[in-house]
N, C-alpha and C. Protein backbone atom coordinates (compact mmCIF):
# COMPACT_ATOMS: atom_id res chain seq x y z
N MET A 1 -110.29 286.05 75.63
CA MET A 1 -111.35 285.88 76.59
C MET A 1 -111.62 287.21 77.27
N LYS A 2 -112.89 287.47 77.56
CA LYS A 2 -113.26 288.70 78.24
C LYS A 2 -113.54 288.41 79.71
N TYR A 3 -113.18 289.38 80.55
CA TYR A 3 -113.38 289.26 81.99
C TYR A 3 -114.03 290.54 82.51
N LEU A 4 -114.92 290.38 83.48
CA LEU A 4 -115.47 291.51 84.22
C LEU A 4 -114.64 291.64 85.49
N VAL A 5 -113.99 292.78 85.65
CA VAL A 5 -113.09 293.00 86.78
C VAL A 5 -113.65 294.13 87.65
N THR A 6 -113.70 293.88 88.94
CA THR A 6 -114.12 294.89 89.91
C THR A 6 -113.01 295.07 90.94
N GLY A 7 -112.62 296.30 91.15
CA GLY A 7 -111.68 296.65 92.21
C GLY A 7 -112.43 297.50 93.22
N LYS A 8 -112.36 297.13 94.48
CA LYS A 8 -113.12 297.89 95.47
C LYS A 8 -112.39 297.96 96.80
N GLU A 9 -112.92 298.83 97.65
CA GLU A 9 -112.42 299.02 99.00
C GLU A 9 -110.93 299.35 99.02
N GLY A 10 -110.60 300.35 98.24
CA GLY A 10 -109.22 300.82 98.21
C GLY A 10 -108.84 301.52 99.49
N PRO A 11 -107.63 302.01 99.54
CA PRO A 11 -107.13 302.62 100.76
C PRO A 11 -107.89 303.89 101.12
N GLY A 12 -108.08 304.09 102.40
CA GLY A 12 -108.64 305.34 102.90
C GLY A 12 -107.51 306.27 103.29
N PHE A 13 -107.86 307.44 103.75
CA PHE A 13 -106.85 308.44 104.10
C PHE A 13 -107.03 308.88 105.55
N ALA A 14 -105.96 308.83 106.33
CA ALA A 14 -106.02 309.27 107.72
C ALA A 14 -105.65 310.74 107.86
N SER A 15 -104.98 311.28 106.83
CA SER A 15 -104.56 312.68 106.89
C SER A 15 -104.45 313.21 105.46
N GLU A 16 -104.31 314.53 105.35
CA GLU A 16 -104.12 315.13 104.02
C GLU A 16 -102.82 314.65 103.40
N GLU A 17 -101.78 314.51 104.20
CA GLU A 17 -100.49 314.06 103.68
C GLU A 17 -100.59 312.64 103.13
N GLU A 18 -101.29 311.79 103.87
CA GLU A 18 -101.48 310.42 103.41
C GLU A 18 -102.32 310.39 102.13
N ALA A 19 -103.33 311.23 102.05
CA ALA A 19 -104.16 311.31 100.85
C ALA A 19 -103.32 311.70 99.64
N ILE A 20 -102.49 312.70 99.80
CA ILE A 20 -101.62 313.15 98.70
C ILE A 20 -100.69 312.02 98.29
N ASN A 21 -100.07 311.36 99.25
CA ASN A 21 -99.14 310.27 98.96
C ASN A 21 -99.83 309.13 98.21
N ILE A 22 -100.96 308.69 98.70
CA ILE A 22 -101.67 307.56 98.07
C ILE A 22 -102.20 307.95 96.69
N LEU A 23 -102.76 309.15 96.59
CA LEU A 23 -103.28 309.58 95.29
C LEU A 23 -102.17 309.73 94.25
N GLU A 24 -101.06 310.38 94.64
CA GLU A 24 -99.98 310.61 93.69
C GLU A 24 -99.21 309.34 93.33
N ASN A 25 -99.06 308.42 94.28
CA ASN A 25 -98.19 307.27 94.05
C ASN A 25 -98.91 305.97 93.73
N ILE A 26 -100.21 305.90 94.01
CA ILE A 26 -100.94 304.65 93.78
C ILE A 26 -102.15 304.85 92.86
N ILE A 27 -103.06 305.71 93.27
CA ILE A 27 -104.34 305.83 92.56
C ILE A 27 -104.17 306.45 91.18
N ILE A 28 -103.60 307.64 91.10
CA ILE A 28 -103.47 308.32 89.80
C ILE A 28 -102.61 307.51 88.82
N PRO A 29 -101.46 306.96 89.24
CA PRO A 29 -100.69 306.12 88.30
C PRO A 29 -101.49 304.88 87.84
N SER A 30 -102.32 304.33 88.72
CA SER A 30 -103.14 303.18 88.32
C SER A 30 -104.17 303.59 87.28
N PHE A 31 -104.82 304.74 87.51
CA PHE A 31 -105.79 305.22 86.53
C PHE A 31 -105.11 305.54 85.20
N ASP A 32 -103.90 306.09 85.25
CA ASP A 32 -103.15 306.35 84.01
C ASP A 32 -102.91 305.05 83.25
N LYS A 33 -102.56 304.00 83.98
CA LYS A 33 -102.32 302.69 83.36
C LYS A 33 -103.62 302.14 82.77
N ILE A 34 -104.72 302.29 83.49
CA ILE A 34 -106.01 301.84 82.99
C ILE A 34 -106.39 302.60 81.73
N ILE A 35 -106.12 303.89 81.68
CA ILE A 35 -106.39 304.68 80.47
C ILE A 35 -105.56 304.17 79.31
N GLU A 36 -104.29 303.81 79.56
CA GLU A 36 -103.46 303.21 78.51
C GLU A 36 -104.08 301.92 77.99
N PHE A 37 -104.60 301.09 78.90
CA PHE A 37 -105.25 299.84 78.49
C PHE A 37 -106.52 300.12 77.68
N GLU A 38 -107.24 301.19 78.02
CA GLU A 38 -108.40 301.57 77.23
C GLU A 38 -107.98 301.99 75.82
N GLU A 39 -106.94 302.80 75.75
CA GLU A 39 -106.47 303.29 74.45
C GLU A 39 -105.96 302.16 73.57
N SER A 40 -105.38 301.12 74.16
CA SER A 40 -104.87 299.98 73.38
C SER A 40 -105.95 298.93 73.15
N LYS A 41 -107.17 299.19 73.64
CA LYS A 41 -108.34 298.30 73.50
C LYS A 41 -108.19 297.00 74.29
N THR A 42 -107.29 296.97 75.26
CA THR A 42 -107.22 295.84 76.18
C THR A 42 -108.40 295.92 77.14
N ILE A 43 -108.69 297.12 77.63
CA ILE A 43 -109.91 297.36 78.39
C ILE A 43 -110.95 297.86 77.41
N LEU A 44 -112.07 297.13 77.33
CA LEU A 44 -113.10 297.41 76.34
C LEU A 44 -114.12 298.43 76.81
N ALA A 45 -114.38 298.46 78.10
CA ALA A 45 -115.34 299.40 78.68
C ALA A 45 -115.13 299.41 80.18
N GLY A 46 -115.59 300.46 80.81
CA GLY A 46 -115.49 300.50 82.27
C GLY A 46 -115.71 301.88 82.81
N GLY A 47 -115.64 301.97 84.12
CA GLY A 47 -115.80 303.25 84.79
C GLY A 47 -115.93 303.07 86.28
N LEU A 48 -116.30 304.17 86.92
CA LEU A 48 -116.42 304.20 88.37
C LEU A 48 -117.86 304.52 88.74
N PRO A 49 -118.52 303.64 89.51
CA PRO A 49 -119.85 303.99 90.00
C PRO A 49 -119.76 305.27 90.83
N VAL A 50 -120.63 306.21 90.54
CA VAL A 50 -120.59 307.52 91.19
C VAL A 50 -120.69 307.37 92.71
N GLY A 51 -119.77 308.04 93.39
CA GLY A 51 -119.81 308.08 94.85
C GLY A 51 -119.23 306.86 95.54
N GLU A 52 -118.64 305.95 94.80
CA GLU A 52 -118.08 304.74 95.41
C GLU A 52 -116.56 304.70 95.22
N ARG A 53 -115.89 303.99 96.11
CA ARG A 53 -114.46 303.73 95.94
C ARG A 53 -114.32 302.37 95.26
N THR A 54 -114.95 302.27 94.12
CA THR A 54 -115.00 301.04 93.34
C THR A 54 -114.84 301.40 91.88
N PHE A 55 -114.25 300.51 91.11
CA PHE A 55 -114.26 300.68 89.67
C PHE A 55 -114.45 299.32 89.01
N VAL A 56 -115.00 299.34 87.82
CA VAL A 56 -115.28 298.11 87.08
C VAL A 56 -114.83 298.29 85.64
N PHE A 57 -114.39 297.20 85.04
CA PHE A 57 -114.09 297.24 83.62
C PHE A 57 -114.17 295.85 83.02
N ILE A 58 -114.35 295.83 81.72
CA ILE A 58 -114.29 294.59 80.95
C ILE A 58 -112.97 294.62 80.21
N ILE A 59 -112.20 293.56 80.40
CA ILE A 59 -110.86 293.48 79.83
C ILE A 59 -110.74 292.24 78.97
N GLU A 60 -109.95 292.33 77.94
CA GLU A 60 -109.67 291.21 77.05
C GLU A 60 -108.27 290.70 77.38
N ALA A 61 -108.16 289.41 77.66
CA ALA A 61 -106.86 288.79 77.93
C ALA A 61 -106.88 287.38 77.34
N SER A 62 -105.73 286.90 76.95
CA SER A 62 -105.66 285.59 76.31
C SER A 62 -105.77 284.44 77.30
N SER A 63 -105.54 284.73 78.58
CA SER A 63 -105.59 283.66 79.59
C SER A 63 -105.72 284.27 80.98
N ASN A 64 -106.01 283.42 81.95
CA ASN A 64 -106.04 283.86 83.34
C ASN A 64 -104.69 284.42 83.76
N GLU A 65 -103.63 283.79 83.29
CA GLU A 65 -102.28 284.21 83.65
C GLU A 65 -101.98 285.60 83.11
N GLU A 66 -102.39 285.87 81.86
CA GLU A 66 -102.16 287.20 81.29
C GLU A 66 -102.93 288.25 82.09
N LEU A 67 -104.17 287.94 82.43
CA LEU A 67 -104.97 288.89 83.21
C LEU A 67 -104.31 289.14 84.57
N ASP A 68 -103.83 288.09 85.21
CA ASP A 68 -103.16 288.24 86.49
C ASP A 68 -101.96 289.17 86.38
N LEU A 69 -101.17 289.02 85.32
CA LEU A 69 -100.01 289.90 85.12
C LEU A 69 -100.43 291.34 84.91
N ILE A 70 -101.51 291.55 84.15
CA ILE A 70 -102.01 292.90 83.91
C ILE A 70 -102.43 293.55 85.22
N LEU A 71 -103.22 292.82 86.01
CA LEU A 71 -103.69 293.39 87.27
C LEU A 71 -102.54 293.66 88.23
N ARG A 72 -101.59 292.75 88.29
CA ARG A 72 -100.45 292.94 89.20
C ARG A 72 -99.56 294.11 88.79
N ASP A 73 -99.68 294.54 87.53
CA ASP A 73 -98.90 295.67 87.03
C ASP A 73 -99.50 297.01 87.48
N LEU A 74 -100.73 296.99 87.99
CA LEU A 74 -101.35 298.22 88.47
C LEU A 74 -100.80 298.57 89.85
N PRO A 75 -100.37 299.81 90.06
CA PRO A 75 -99.86 300.18 91.38
C PRO A 75 -100.86 299.92 92.52
N MET A 76 -102.16 299.94 92.22
CA MET A 76 -103.15 299.73 93.28
C MET A 76 -103.47 298.26 93.50
N TRP A 77 -102.80 297.36 92.80
CA TRP A 77 -103.12 295.94 92.89
C TRP A 77 -103.14 295.45 94.34
N GLY A 78 -102.14 295.79 95.11
CA GLY A 78 -102.04 295.28 96.48
C GLY A 78 -102.93 295.98 97.50
N SER A 79 -103.57 297.06 97.10
CA SER A 79 -104.37 297.80 98.07
C SER A 79 -105.87 297.76 97.78
N MET A 80 -106.28 296.91 96.84
CA MET A 80 -107.69 296.78 96.49
C MET A 80 -108.13 295.33 96.67
N GLN A 81 -109.44 295.15 96.85
CA GLN A 81 -110.01 293.81 96.78
C GLN A 81 -110.49 293.61 95.35
N TRP A 82 -110.13 292.49 94.76
CA TRP A 82 -110.42 292.24 93.35
C TRP A 82 -111.44 291.12 93.21
N GLU A 83 -112.34 291.31 92.28
CA GLU A 83 -113.27 290.26 91.89
C GLU A 83 -113.18 290.16 90.37
N VAL A 84 -112.92 288.96 89.89
CA VAL A 84 -112.76 288.73 88.46
C VAL A 84 -113.72 287.62 88.04
N LYS A 85 -114.50 287.90 87.00
CA LYS A 85 -115.45 286.91 86.47
C LYS A 85 -115.20 286.73 84.98
N PRO A 86 -114.87 285.52 84.55
CA PRO A 86 -114.77 285.28 83.11
C PRO A 86 -116.15 285.41 82.48
N LEU A 87 -116.20 286.00 81.30
CA LEU A 87 -117.47 286.20 80.61
C LEU A 87 -117.59 285.26 79.43
N GLN A 88 -118.74 284.65 79.33
CA GLN A 88 -119.05 283.81 78.18
C GLN A 88 -119.66 284.71 77.11
N SER A 89 -119.32 284.46 75.86
CA SER A 89 -119.87 285.29 74.78
C SER A 89 -121.34 284.98 74.56
N PHE A 90 -122.06 285.96 74.04
CA PHE A 90 -123.47 285.75 73.72
C PHE A 90 -123.61 284.68 72.64
N SER A 91 -122.73 284.73 71.64
CA SER A 91 -122.83 283.74 70.55
C SER A 91 -122.51 282.34 71.05
N GLY A 92 -121.53 282.21 71.93
CA GLY A 92 -121.20 280.90 72.49
C GLY A 92 -122.34 280.33 73.31
N ARG A 93 -122.97 281.18 74.11
CA ARG A 93 -124.09 280.72 74.92
C ARG A 93 -125.30 280.38 74.05
N THR A 94 -125.53 281.18 72.99
CA THR A 94 -126.64 280.90 72.08
C THR A 94 -126.46 279.55 71.41
N ASP A 95 -125.25 279.23 70.99
CA ASP A 95 -124.97 277.93 70.38
C ASP A 95 -125.29 276.79 71.35
N LYS A 96 -124.91 276.95 72.60
CA LYS A 96 -125.20 275.92 73.60
C LYS A 96 -126.70 275.76 73.82
N GLU A 97 -127.42 276.88 73.88
CA GLU A 97 -128.87 276.81 74.09
C GLU A 97 -129.57 276.18 72.90
N ARG A 98 -129.10 276.49 71.69
CA ARG A 98 -129.68 275.86 70.49
C ARG A 98 -129.46 274.35 70.51
N ALA A 99 -128.26 273.94 70.88
CA ALA A 99 -127.97 272.51 70.96
C ALA A 99 -128.84 271.84 72.02
N PHE A 100 -129.07 272.51 73.14
CA PHE A 100 -129.92 271.98 74.20
C PHE A 100 -131.36 271.81 73.70
N VAL A 101 -131.88 272.82 73.02
CA VAL A 101 -133.24 272.74 72.48
C VAL A 101 -133.34 271.60 71.47
N LYS A 102 -132.33 271.44 70.64
CA LYS A 102 -132.31 270.36 69.64
C LYS A 102 -132.38 269.00 70.32
N GLU A 103 -131.60 268.82 71.40
CA GLU A 103 -131.61 267.55 72.12
C GLU A 103 -132.97 267.29 72.76
N ILE A 104 -133.58 268.32 73.33
CA ILE A 104 -134.89 268.15 73.95
C ILE A 104 -135.92 267.74 72.91
N LYS A 105 -135.86 268.36 71.73
CA LYS A 105 -136.83 268.04 70.68
C LYS A 105 -136.69 266.62 70.19
N LYS A 106 -135.51 266.03 70.27
CA LYS A 106 -135.29 264.64 69.84
C LYS A 106 -135.98 263.66 70.76
N MET A 107 -136.21 264.05 72.01
CA MET A 107 -136.77 263.13 73.01
C MET A 107 -138.22 262.86 72.76
């Protein structure tokens, strides 16, 4: 199953020291993990909207539980707001629409 995942409103920085700590220990390791998921084709596409503290990606997971484990494995999991939307395939939706049209035509 494919999911659209958005992470937003990550931690801000009150000082240069805090910025270094958060970037080195949370943000950069999370991006490294996301790059690994891209390389293994678990993450199919994604990126960061320019100028925002937000990122989005489409991920493939076998279940909600697997996706939850993947997200919880990211160091930034606890410091971001997450929005996850399961995606229906185009072919699956097309099949449903064809069946709907067929039923309407029978009436």
